[in-house]
Protein backbone atom coordinates (compact mmCIF):
# COMPACT_ATOMS: atom_id res chain seq x y z
CA MET A 1 9.04 -24.13 -47.46
CA ASN A 2 11.85 -21.68 -47.64
CA THR A 3 14.24 -21.27 -44.53
CA ALA A 4 17.34 -19.31 -43.83
CA LEU A 5 19.07 -22.40 -42.55
CA GLY A 6 22.39 -22.92 -44.38
CA GLN A 7 22.09 -19.52 -46.18
CA PRO A 8 25.04 -17.00 -45.67
CA ASN A 9 24.40 -14.41 -43.10
CA SER A 10 26.26 -11.16 -43.98
CA THR A 11 25.92 -9.69 -40.66
CA ALA A 12 27.41 -12.70 -38.87
CA ILE A 13 30.17 -12.78 -41.44
CA THR A 14 31.01 -9.04 -41.00
CA PHE A 15 31.07 -9.45 -37.20
CA PHE A 16 33.30 -12.48 -37.50
CA PHE A 17 35.81 -10.50 -39.56
CA ILE A 18 35.66 -7.54 -37.16
CA PHE A 19 36.53 -9.88 -34.34
CA ILE A 20 39.36 -11.32 -36.08
CA ALA A 21 40.63 -7.86 -37.00
CA VAL A 22 40.29 -6.64 -33.39
CA SER A 23 41.98 -9.70 -32.15
CA LEU A 24 45.00 -9.35 -34.54
CA GLY A 25 45.27 -5.72 -33.66
CA ILE A 26 45.54 -6.49 -29.98
CA THR A 27 48.12 -9.12 -30.73
CA PHE A 28 50.24 -6.89 -32.80
CA TRP A 29 49.93 -4.00 -30.08
CA ALA A 30 50.99 -6.55 -27.33
CA ALA A 31 53.75 -8.02 -29.43
CA ARG A 32 55.34 -4.66 -30.03
CA ARG A 33 55.41 -4.00 -26.10
CA THR A 34 56.83 -7.37 -25.19
CA LYS A 35 60.65 -7.39 -25.12
CA THR A 36 61.71 -10.03 -22.61
CA ALA A 37 60.64 -13.68 -21.67
CA SER A 38 59.35 -12.32 -18.41
CA GLU A 39 57.11 -9.87 -20.22
CA TYR A 40 55.82 -12.49 -22.62
CA TYR A 41 55.12 -15.21 -19.96
CA ALA A 42 54.27 -13.22 -16.88
CA ALA A 43 53.26 -9.71 -18.01
CA GLY A 44 56.50 -8.42 -16.53
CA GLY A 45 55.32 -9.35 -13.08
CA GLY A 46 52.69 -6.56 -13.21
CA ILE A 47 49.59 -8.86 -12.77
CA THR A 48 47.83 -8.34 -9.39
CA GLY A 49 46.40 -11.22 -7.39
CA PHE A 50 42.92 -9.91 -8.15
CA GLN A 51 43.54 -9.86 -11.93
CA ASN A 52 45.01 -13.38 -11.75
CA GLY A 53 41.89 -14.62 -9.67
CA LEU A 54 39.69 -13.16 -12.40
CA ALA A 55 41.63 -14.91 -15.11
CA LEU A 56 41.32 -18.30 -13.20
CA ALA A 57 37.61 -17.78 -12.55
CA GLY A 58 37.01 -16.96 -16.29
CA ASP A 59 38.94 -20.16 -17.19
CA TYR A 60 37.13 -22.56 -14.88
CA MET A 61 33.69 -20.92 -15.04
CA SER A 62 33.60 -20.72 -18.87
CA ALA A 63 30.63 -21.96 -20.93
CA ALA A 64 33.02 -24.63 -22.39
CA SER A 65 33.75 -25.96 -18.92
CA PHE A 66 30.10 -26.16 -17.95
CA LEU A 67 29.03 -27.55 -21.28
CA GLY A 68 31.91 -30.16 -21.19
CA ILE A 69 31.23 -31.33 -17.77
CA ALA A 70 27.46 -31.68 -18.61
CA GLY A 71 28.47 -33.69 -21.73
CA LEU A 72 30.71 -35.95 -19.69
CA VAL A 73 28.02 -36.59 -17.18
CA ALA A 74 25.56 -37.32 -20.05
CA LEU A 75 27.98 -39.72 -21.66
CA SER A 76 29.36 -41.58 -18.78
CA GLY A 77 26.58 -41.13 -16.19
CA PHE A 78 27.11 -40.57 -12.49
CA ASP A 79 30.85 -41.48 -12.92
CA GLY A 80 31.29 -38.23 -14.90
CA LEU A 81 30.63 -36.15 -11.82
CA ILE A 82 34.17 -36.90 -10.75
CA TYR A 83 35.51 -34.65 -13.49
CA SER A 84 33.62 -31.67 -12.14
CA THR A 85 35.71 -31.74 -8.87
CA GLY A 86 38.96 -33.24 -10.39
CA TRP A 87 40.25 -29.96 -11.57
CA LEU A 88 39.56 -28.38 -8.16
CA VAL A 89 41.54 -31.15 -6.49
CA GLY A 90 44.32 -31.01 -9.18
CA TRP A 91 44.79 -27.34 -9.20
CA PRO A 92 46.43 -26.89 -5.75
CA VAL A 93 48.55 -29.99 -6.40
CA MET A 94 49.81 -28.37 -9.68
CA LEU A 95 50.19 -24.99 -7.98
CA PHE A 96 52.25 -26.18 -5.04
CA LEU A 97 54.21 -28.96 -6.65
CA ILE A 98 54.97 -27.46 -10.08
CA ALA A 99 54.18 -23.77 -10.35
CA GLU A 100 55.85 -22.53 -7.25
CA PRO A 101 59.23 -24.25 -7.91
CA LEU A 102 59.01 -22.93 -11.47
CA ARG A 103 58.62 -19.42 -10.18
CA HIS A 104 61.44 -19.61 -7.70
CA LEU A 105 63.74 -20.94 -10.50
CA GLY A 106 62.90 -18.12 -12.70
CA LYS A 107 61.84 -20.35 -15.41
CA TYR A 108 58.42 -20.19 -17.34
CA THR A 109 58.00 -23.61 -18.90
CA PHE A 110 58.50 -27.13 -17.80
CA ALA A 111 60.92 -27.62 -20.62
CA ASP A 112 62.96 -24.80 -19.31
CA VAL A 113 63.22 -26.29 -15.95
CA VAL A 114 64.18 -29.75 -17.42
CA ALA A 115 66.80 -28.17 -19.57
CA TYR A 116 68.25 -26.26 -16.57
CA ARG A 117 68.22 -29.26 -14.15
CA LEU A 118 69.58 -31.80 -16.60
CA GLN A 119 71.99 -29.42 -18.34
């Protein structure tokens, strides 16, 4: 009984390297355009609310999120359902208590804020 399981697939390997090459190309192009910390961390302030909403939706509705939550429920039973709503409760708390003060300080990371506040 011959199967292809475990055998190298040249098409898959080729597309993997194409994906890596395109990713590195985009990274190189973006790195050449980025000059300041604001451009690096916040795209120079040029991201619209709609674009930010799409990014958040893509993050929270990814396959990894759905599979991860399904796995937690499978492993821990009904108690695992709390994880499916925990991020929804934690996101506004993080937004208002951490992200907004960071934005008003002009800092981009928590370490920057601690260094600024504690000198």
